Amino acid sequence: MSIPLEIKNLSKHFNNKVAVKNISFSINKNEIIGLLGPNGCGKTTTIGMILGLLKPTEGKVQIYGKDIEKNRIDCLDYLNFISPYVELPKKLTVKENLKVYGKLYDIKKLEEKIEYLSDKLRLREIIDKITGELSSGQKNRVSLAKSIINDPGILLLDEPTASLDPETGDFIRNFLETYQKEKGTSILLASHNMAEVERLCTSVLMMNNGSIIDSGSPSNLINKHGRKNMEEVFLKLSRR
């Protein structure tokens, strides 16, 4: 089978600003790759191009060997994402939201799938509540349920534990570890939580000013740069 996600010489220009500059990488089955860098470095723009929301100025995004620009509808069946910057419809209940997204992905046995997600992500007590009235931690768990409702082969996680209390953050990380091992999902994780990156990621891509400036496993990068942890590596590279 083709590589789940392959990025080839990808660039994105907005007028005279270069947001992403000629980046290339791939994610194999059963890998979690960290996409790191300071705010404005190009992470979110890269995710937007992977999802087909932004058209690359140059380069290609391939999902299981298919160019997403030419096969967007087919490719989206294999993708899903979570981002704190994209909210679910606030006036719908949790269950209504999951039903809407389940139908968009044409999920078979949707009621059973919602029951499964409710158990796994502790949603039973809030399943009939209005989404807009939930706490940030509760909304996060609902968004995560939405992001895996189609069992995506490729899962894009943009700050999945941002603003969460330590217990909820740890619950989400435990869930992602278990889910990824069970499903063999390929995950791209954009995060500013370096302890999370060290715990979850097989490999890391460091971005700055739209380019990938370094890559490797967390342990290799820590050793290479003579630092104690990924936070120190992040600070060194982002201050170049």
Foldseek 3Di string as FASTA:
>chain_A
DAFQKWWAQFWADDVPATQAGGETDGWHFLFEEEEEADPSLNPVVVVCVLLVNDPTPDTFMAGSRHTCVVVVVVRCLQEFEFDPVDAFPQAAFLQVSQVVLCVVSPPPPSVVLVVVLCVLLVCPVRRRPGLNPDDPLNRLSSRVSSRCSSPHLEYEYEASCPPHDPVSSVSVLVSVVVSCVVSSHTYYHYHPPFVSQLVHGPKYFYTGSNYGPDMGHFVVLCVVVVHDGVNVSRVVVNVD
